[in-house]
Protein backbone atom coordinates (compact mmCIF):
# COMPACT_ATOMS: atom_id res chain seq x y z
CA UNK A 1 -59.95 30.81 -16.20
CA UNK A 2 -62.98 28.54 -16.59
CA UNK A 3 -60.95 25.58 -17.79
CA UNK A 4 -58.56 25.87 -14.85
CA UNK A 5 -61.45 25.96 -12.39
CA UNK A 6 -63.02 22.91 -14.01
CA UNK A 7 -59.73 21.03 -13.86
CA UNK A 8 -59.31 21.88 -10.20
CA UNK A 9 -62.74 20.47 -9.48
CA UNK A 10 -62.34 17.29 -11.51
CA UNK A 11 -58.72 16.36 -10.85
CA UNK A 12 -58.14 14.96 -7.32
CA UNK A 13 -54.53 16.10 -7.26
CA UNK A 14 -55.53 19.70 -7.94
CA UNK A 15 -58.21 20.16 -5.30
CA UNK A 16 -57.83 23.47 -3.48
CA UNK A 17 -56.55 23.05 0.06
CA UNK A 18 -57.82 24.96 3.08
CA UNK A 19 -54.72 26.96 4.04
CA UNK A 20 -56.27 29.51 6.37
CA UNK A 21 -55.07 29.17 9.97
CA UNK A 22 -57.32 30.25 12.79
CA UNK A 23 -56.18 31.59 16.15
CA UNK A 24 -58.41 29.20 18.09
CA UNK A 25 -55.99 26.43 17.13
CA UNK A 26 -53.30 28.21 19.16
CA UNK A 27 -55.29 28.87 22.31
CA UNK A 28 -54.28 25.75 24.23
CA UNK A 29 -50.53 25.94 23.86
CA UNK A 30 -50.46 29.74 23.82
CA UNK A 31 -52.20 30.02 27.19
CA UNK A 32 -49.85 27.53 28.84
CA UNK A 33 -46.74 29.04 27.23
CA UNK A 34 -47.56 32.64 28.11
CA UNK A 35 -48.58 31.75 31.65
CA UNK A 36 -45.41 29.71 32.18
CA UNK A 37 -42.95 32.25 30.79
CA UNK A 38 -44.68 35.15 32.52
CA UNK A 39 -44.60 33.40 35.89
CA UNK A 40 -40.99 32.35 35.37
CA UNK A 41 -39.85 35.91 34.79
CA UNK A 42 -42.01 37.56 37.45
CA UNK A 43 -41.48 35.12 40.31
CA UNK A 44 -37.75 34.57 39.75
CA UNK A 45 -36.96 38.22 39.08
CA UNK A 46 -39.00 39.29 42.09
CA UNK A 47 -37.21 36.81 44.35
CA UNK A 48 -33.79 37.85 43.04
CA UNK A 49 -34.61 41.53 43.46
CA UNK A 50 -35.94 40.96 46.97
CA UNK A 51 -32.97 38.85 48.12
CA UNK A 52 -30.43 41.19 46.48
CA UNK A 53 -32.12 44.22 48.05
CA UNK A 54 -31.54 42.62 51.46
CA UNK A 55 -27.79 42.86 50.86
CA UNK A 56 -27.24 39.13 50.30
CA UNK A 57 -24.09 37.76 48.63
CA UNK A 58 -24.19 36.82 44.96
CA UNK A 59 -23.89 33.08 45.60
CA UNK A 60 -26.95 33.11 47.86
CA UNK A 61 -28.89 35.21 45.36
CA UNK A 62 -28.11 32.73 42.59
CA UNK A 63 -28.96 29.70 44.75
CA UNK A 64 -32.29 31.31 45.65
CA UNK A 65 -32.97 32.08 41.99
CA UNK A 66 -32.07 28.56 40.86
CA UNK A 67 -34.25 27.04 43.57
CA UNK A 68 -37.12 29.28 42.41
CA UNK A 69 -36.60 28.09 38.83
CA UNK A 70 -36.72 24.38 39.68
CA UNK A 71 -39.55 24.61 42.22
CA UNK A 72 -41.58 26.94 40.04
CA UNK A 73 -41.23 24.81 36.91
CA UNK A 74 -42.31 21.68 38.77
CA UNK A 75 -45.18 23.51 40.43
CA UNK A 76 -46.39 24.89 37.11
CA UNK A 77 -46.18 21.46 35.47
CA UNK A 78 -48.07 19.77 38.30
CA UNK A 79 -50.74 22.46 38.52
CA UNK A 80 -51.29 22.59 34.77
CA UNK A 81 -51.40 18.80 34.50
CA UNK A 82 -54.00 18.48 37.26
CA UNK A 83 -56.10 21.34 35.88
CA UNK A 84 -56.09 20.18 32.26
CA UNK A 85 -56.55 16.54 33.32
CA UNK A 86 -59.76 17.55 35.09
CA UNK A 87 -60.94 19.22 31.90
CA UNK A 88 -59.95 16.15 29.89
CA UNK A 89 -61.81 13.85 32.30
CA UNK A 90 -64.92 15.98 31.95
CA UNK A 91 -64.69 15.90 28.16
CA UNK A 92 -64.20 12.13 28.19
CA UNK A 93 -67.19 11.62 30.49
CA UNK A 94 -69.35 13.82 28.26
CA UNK A 95 -68.31 11.85 25.19
CA UNK A 96 -69.08 8.53 26.88
CA UNK A 97 -72.51 9.80 27.90
CA UNK A 98 -73.13 11.03 24.36
CA UNK A 99 -72.02 7.68 22.90
CA UNK A 100 -74.49 5.86 25.16
CA UNK A 101 -77.32 8.23 24.21
CA UNK A 102 -76.57 7.75 20.51
CA UNK A 103 -76.77 3.99 20.95
CA UNK A 104 -79.97 4.10 23.00
CA UNK A 105 -81.91 6.89 21.28
CA UNK A 106 -80.42 7.76 17.89
CA UNK A 107 -83.61 9.42 16.64
CA UNK A 108 -83.80 11.73 19.67
CA UNK A 109 -80.14 12.65 19.16
CA UNK A 110 -80.79 13.36 15.49
CA UNK A 111 -83.66 15.69 16.41
CA UNK A 112 -81.41 17.39 18.94
CA UNK A 113 -78.81 18.05 16.26
CA UNK A 114 -81.49 19.35 13.90
CA UNK A 115 -82.62 21.75 16.61
CA UNK A 116 -79.07 23.04 17.03
CA UNK A 117 -78.72 23.73 13.31
CA UNK A 118 -82.16 25.35 13.23
CA UNK A 119 -81.06 27.76 15.97
CA UNK A 120 -78.05 28.65 13.85
CA UNK A 121 -80.30 29.76 11.02
CA UNK A 122 -80.77 26.73 8.77
CA UNK A 123 -84.17 25.80 7.40
CA UNK A 124 -85.91 22.68 8.73
CA UNK A 125 -85.17 20.67 5.59
CA UNK A 126 -81.54 21.76 5.33
CA UNK A 127 -80.95 21.21 9.05
CA UNK A 128 -82.35 17.68 8.71
CA UNK A 129 -80.13 16.98 5.69
CA UNK A 130 -77.01 18.28 7.44
CA UNK A 131 -77.75 16.33 10.61
CA UNK A 132 -78.42 13.15 8.66
CA UNK A 133 -75.25 13.38 6.58
CA UNK A 134 -72.98 14.31 9.48
CA UNK A 135 -74.38 11.54 11.69
CA UNK A 136 -73.96 9.05 8.86
CA UNK A 137 -70.30 10.02 8.59
CA UNK A 138 -69.44 10.24 12.32
CA UNK A 139 -72.35 10.74 14.71
CA UNK A 140 -70.24 11.09 17.86
CA UNK A 141 -67.91 13.63 16.28
CA UNK A 142 -70.86 15.69 15.05
CA UNK A 143 -72.47 15.77 18.50
CA UNK A 144 -69.15 16.39 20.25
CA UNK A 145 -68.46 19.42 18.08
CA UNK A 146 -71.91 20.96 17.73
CA UNK A 147 -73.63 19.92 20.97
CA UNK A 148 -70.76 19.69 23.47
CA UNK A 149 -68.34 22.16 21.89
CA UNK A 150 -65.46 19.66 21.88
CA UNK A 151 -63.20 19.58 18.83
CA UNK A 152 -59.85 17.99 18.13
CA UNK A 153 -58.15 21.41 17.94
CA UNK A 154 -59.44 22.55 21.35
CA UNK A 155 -59.40 19.23 23.21
CA UNK A 156 -57.58 19.22 26.55
CA UNK A 157 -54.06 17.73 26.41
CA UNK A 158 -52.71 17.48 30.00
CA UNK A 159 -49.18 16.27 29.25
CA UNK A 160 -48.65 18.83 26.50
CA UNK A 161 -49.85 21.62 28.78
CA UNK A 162 -47.65 20.43 31.68
CA UNK A 163 -44.47 20.15 29.59
CA UNK A 164 -45.14 23.50 27.91
CA UNK A 165 -45.71 25.25 31.25
CA UNK A 166 -42.58 23.77 32.86
CA UNK A 167 -40.39 24.52 29.85
CA UNK A 168 -41.58 28.07 29.36
CA UNK A 169 -41.38 28.80 33.12
CA UNK A 170 -37.76 27.64 33.12
CA UNK A 171 -37.00 29.66 29.99
CA UNK A 172 -38.51 32.76 31.57
CA UNK A 173 -36.71 32.22 34.89
CA UNK A 174 -33.30 31.82 33.21
CA UNK A 175 -33.42 35.40 31.92
CA UNK A 176 -33.29 37.26 35.28
CA UNK A 177 -31.04 34.53 36.72
CA UNK A 178 -28.49 35.09 33.93
CA UNK A 179 -28.58 38.84 34.52
CA UNK A 180 -27.96 38.34 38.24
CA UNK A 181 -24.99 36.11 37.45
CA UNK A 182 -23.12 38.51 35.17
CA UNK A 183 -23.77 42.06 36.39
CA UNK A 184 -22.00 43.66 39.40
CA UNK A 185 -23.87 43.07 42.67
CA UNK A 186 -24.46 46.79 43.12
CA UNK A 187 -26.41 46.81 39.84
CA UNK A 188 -28.35 43.54 40.26
CA UNK A 189 -31.58 45.13 41.48
CA UNK A 190 -31.99 47.79 38.76
CA UNK A 191 -30.61 45.62 35.94
CA UNK A 192 -32.71 42.54 36.77
CA UNK A 193 -35.82 44.68 37.28
CA UNK A 194 -35.27 46.67 34.08
CA UNK A 195 -34.45 43.75 31.81
CA UNK A 196 -37.28 41.68 33.27
CA UNK A 197 -39.77 44.44 32.49
CA UNK A 198 -38.48 44.53 28.91
CA UNK A 199 -38.83 40.75 28.66
CA UNK A 200 -42.34 40.89 30.12
CA UNK A 201 -43.43 43.65 27.76
CA UNK A 202 -42.06 41.70 24.79
CA UNK A 203 -43.83 38.56 25.98
CA UNK A 204 -47.11 40.41 26.43
CA UNK A 205 -46.77 41.97 22.97
CA UNK A 206 -46.00 38.60 21.37
CA UNK A 207 -48.94 36.93 23.10
CA UNK A 208 -51.27 39.74 22.05
CA UNK A 209 -50.04 39.58 18.44
CA UNK A 210 -50.38 35.79 18.28
CA UNK A 211 -53.83 35.89 19.84
CA UNK A 212 -55.02 38.78 17.66
CA UNK A 213 -55.36 41.33 20.49
CA UNK A 214 -53.93 44.87 20.77
CA UNK A 215 -50.16 44.65 21.16
CA UNK A 216 -49.76 47.79 23.30
CA UNK A 217 -52.42 46.72 25.76
CA UNK A 218 -50.96 43.23 26.10
CA UNK A 219 -47.43 44.55 26.69
CA UNK A 220 -48.51 47.19 29.21
CA UNK A 221 -50.73 44.80 31.17
CA UNK A 222 -48.00 42.20 31.70
CA UNK A 223 -45.28 44.76 32.44
CA UNK A 224 -47.47 46.59 34.97
CA UNK A 225 -48.10 43.51 37.09
CA UNK A 226 -44.46 42.49 36.85
CA UNK A 227 -43.33 45.93 38.03
CA UNK A 228 -45.75 45.78 40.97
CA UNK A 229 -44.48 42.35 42.02
CA UNK A 230 -40.82 43.36 41.86
CA UNK A 231 -41.40 46.66 43.65
CA UNK A 232 -43.18 44.89 46.50
CA UNK A 233 -40.50 42.22 46.92
CA UNK A 234 -37.73 44.82 46.70
CA UNK A 235 -39.44 46.77 49.49
CA UNK A 236 -39.75 43.63 51.62
CA UNK A 237 -36.11 42.74 50.96
CA UNK A 238 -34.95 46.25 51.82
CA UNK A 239 -36.92 46.28 55.06
CA UNK A 240 -35.79 42.76 55.95
CA UNK A 241 -32.14 43.55 55.21
CA UNK A 242 -32.29 46.76 57.25
CA UNK A 243 -33.91 44.95 60.18
CA UNK A 244 -31.24 42.22 60.16
CA UNK A 245 -28.44 44.76 59.86
């Protein structure tokens, strides 16, 4: 009741904690993880289906699939690292510029922050109070968040993105590779294609659920593109195998 609320306000050990988790905190790792796993499944399964459709022996199919796993994981890691590093460099440069502006013209920067809060609906007096208090606490952090849109939750982390992409690509690629290793050669194409589509649909559904989107749409979208990729490579493999034969 009232006494409990008063105690929670006055006792430091009983202060209510902010337990709500927002999906924006997951965007960075989720994007890299979904992209990596999706590419791992699609590219490796497509290659296996294409090579198997050409009538190649199991050993050669597995070597091709393993090579695709290693090369793809490294490519994903390198590409993600370069891409996110560029974003990180841009953020760092913006923060350095903002730090210099705060040192040279603090009053102009304070007015800029007031203007931002005014546009968000605060009164002139309240906007000035908020700007003053936030700048007194951490001026650069306030400007980074509200002027530049950079926060600690959404900041670019190149190494994390690279490792996540490589790991999830490899995890995705192992699935069709394992299927190709254990099923009879005559069944490799349909089994790898079928299981990969199930994996892709599940991945799309999981990503949609985690990101707060519609699960059915996410699953269908990923599975559709995976099916198109495998169908095309199977056709190329069939034509190539027939031509060689």
